Amino acid sequence: MHEGNIIETGNAVIQLQDSSYITVGVGVGVGSSSYLVKTDSTGNEIWNNSFRNNSFELKAVQQTSDGGFILGGFLESKESNGM
């Protein structure tokens, strides 16, 4: 999905009501981002979306009753409080 020197990791995959799949994960490297990819039942990409933020990682996805998605993840704080 990404170009360049990036390692991609899929963190969660779910099968949707229409037999397609959604995968969430993270690409680590230059231009790091979390991503959401929808594929058909044989793995062909239908669409994708990425969220560019080096500190955010998508870890979970669930389909909602209206056909949308709810995403879960974490944001790593890079601030130091002196401890």
Protein backbone atom coordinates (compact mmCIF):
# COMPACT_ATOMS: atom_id res chain seq x y z
CA MET A 1 0.00 0.00 0.00
CA HIS A 2 2.86 2.38 0.76
CA GLU A 3 5.91 3.29 -1.27
CA GLY A 4 9.41 3.55 0.10
CA ASN A 5 11.15 2.03 3.10
CA ILE A 6 8.11 1.17 5.25
CA ILE A 7 7.24 -1.91 7.29
CA GLU A 8 3.49 -2.56 7.44
CA THR A 9 1.78 -4.43 10.24
CA GLY A 10 -1.87 -5.49 10.22
CA ASN A 11 -3.28 -5.25 13.74
CA ALA A 12 -6.87 -6.43 13.20
CA VAL A 13 -8.99 -7.98 10.45
CA ILE A 14 -12.76 -8.47 10.50
CA GLN A 15 -15.18 -9.94 8.00
CA LEU A 16 -18.09 -7.65 7.15
CA GLN A 17 -21.75 -8.46 6.54
CA ASP A 18 -21.16 -8.43 2.75
CA SER A 19 -18.30 -11.02 3.06
CA SER A 20 -15.62 -8.36 2.41
CA TYR A 21 -12.86 -7.61 4.94
CA ILE A 22 -11.52 -4.58 6.78
CA THR A 23 -7.92 -4.49 7.98
CA VAL A 24 -6.39 -1.86 10.26
CA GLY A 25 -2.71 -1.46 10.90
CA VAL A 26 0.31 0.77 10.83
CA GLY A 27 3.14 1.50 8.43
CA VAL A 28 6.42 2.37 10.15
CA GLY A 29 9.12 4.36 8.38
CA VAL A 30 9.31 7.59 6.41
CA GLY A 31 5.81 9.11 6.39
CA SER A 32 4.45 6.67 8.98
CA SER A 33 0.69 6.29 9.16
CA SER A 34 -2.11 4.10 10.40
CA TYR A 35 -4.33 2.64 7.70
CA LEU A 36 -7.75 1.15 7.04
CA VAL A 37 -8.14 -1.14 4.00
CA LYS A 38 -11.28 -2.79 2.63
CA THR A 39 -10.86 -5.86 0.40
CA ASP A 40 -13.31 -8.18 -1.30
CA SER A 41 -13.65 -11.81 -0.19
CA THR A 42 -10.64 -12.82 -2.35
CA GLY A 43 -8.31 -10.07 -1.10
CA ASN A 44 -8.63 -7.50 -3.91
CA GLU A 45 -8.47 -3.95 -2.54
CA ILE A 46 -11.74 -2.00 -2.81
CA TRP A 47 -10.57 1.16 -1.02
CA ASN A 48 -8.10 2.38 1.59
CA ASN A 49 -7.62 5.32 3.89
CA SER A 50 -4.55 6.36 5.85
CA PHE A 51 -4.15 8.59 8.88
CA ARG A 52 -0.74 10.29 8.89
CA ASN A 53 0.44 10.71 12.45
CA ASN A 54 3.69 9.15 13.66
CA SER A 55 2.30 8.81 17.21
CA PHE A 56 -1.07 7.16 16.41
CA GLU A 57 -1.61 3.43 15.84
CA LEU A 58 -4.90 1.77 14.89
CA LYS A 59 -5.36 -1.49 16.79
CA ALA A 60 -9.04 -2.46 16.40
CA VAL A 61 -12.05 -2.07 14.10
CA GLN A 62 -15.70 -3.02 14.47
CA GLN A 63 -18.60 -2.62 12.04
CA THR A 64 -21.51 -0.57 13.41
CA SER A 65 -25.19 -1.37 12.92
CA ASP A 66 -25.49 1.39 10.28
CA GLY A 67 -22.69 -0.14 8.14
CA GLY A 68 -20.00 2.28 9.30
CA PHE A 69 -16.95 1.54 11.42
CA ILE A 70 -15.67 2.35 14.86
CA LEU A 71 -11.88 2.39 15.21
CA GLY A 72 -9.72 1.91 18.28
CA GLY A 73 -6.07 2.61 18.86
CA PHE A 74 -3.66 4.59 20.90
CA LEU A 75 -1.76 7.85 20.74
CA GLU A 76 1.78 7.75 22.09
CA SER A 77 2.75 10.88 23.97
CA LYS A 78 6.25 12.11 23.19
CA GLU A 79 6.23 14.67 25.99
CA SER A 80 8.40 14.18 29.04
CA ASN A 81 7.30 15.27 32.50
CA GLY A 82 10.76 14.92 34.04
CA MET A 83 10.12 11.58 35.70
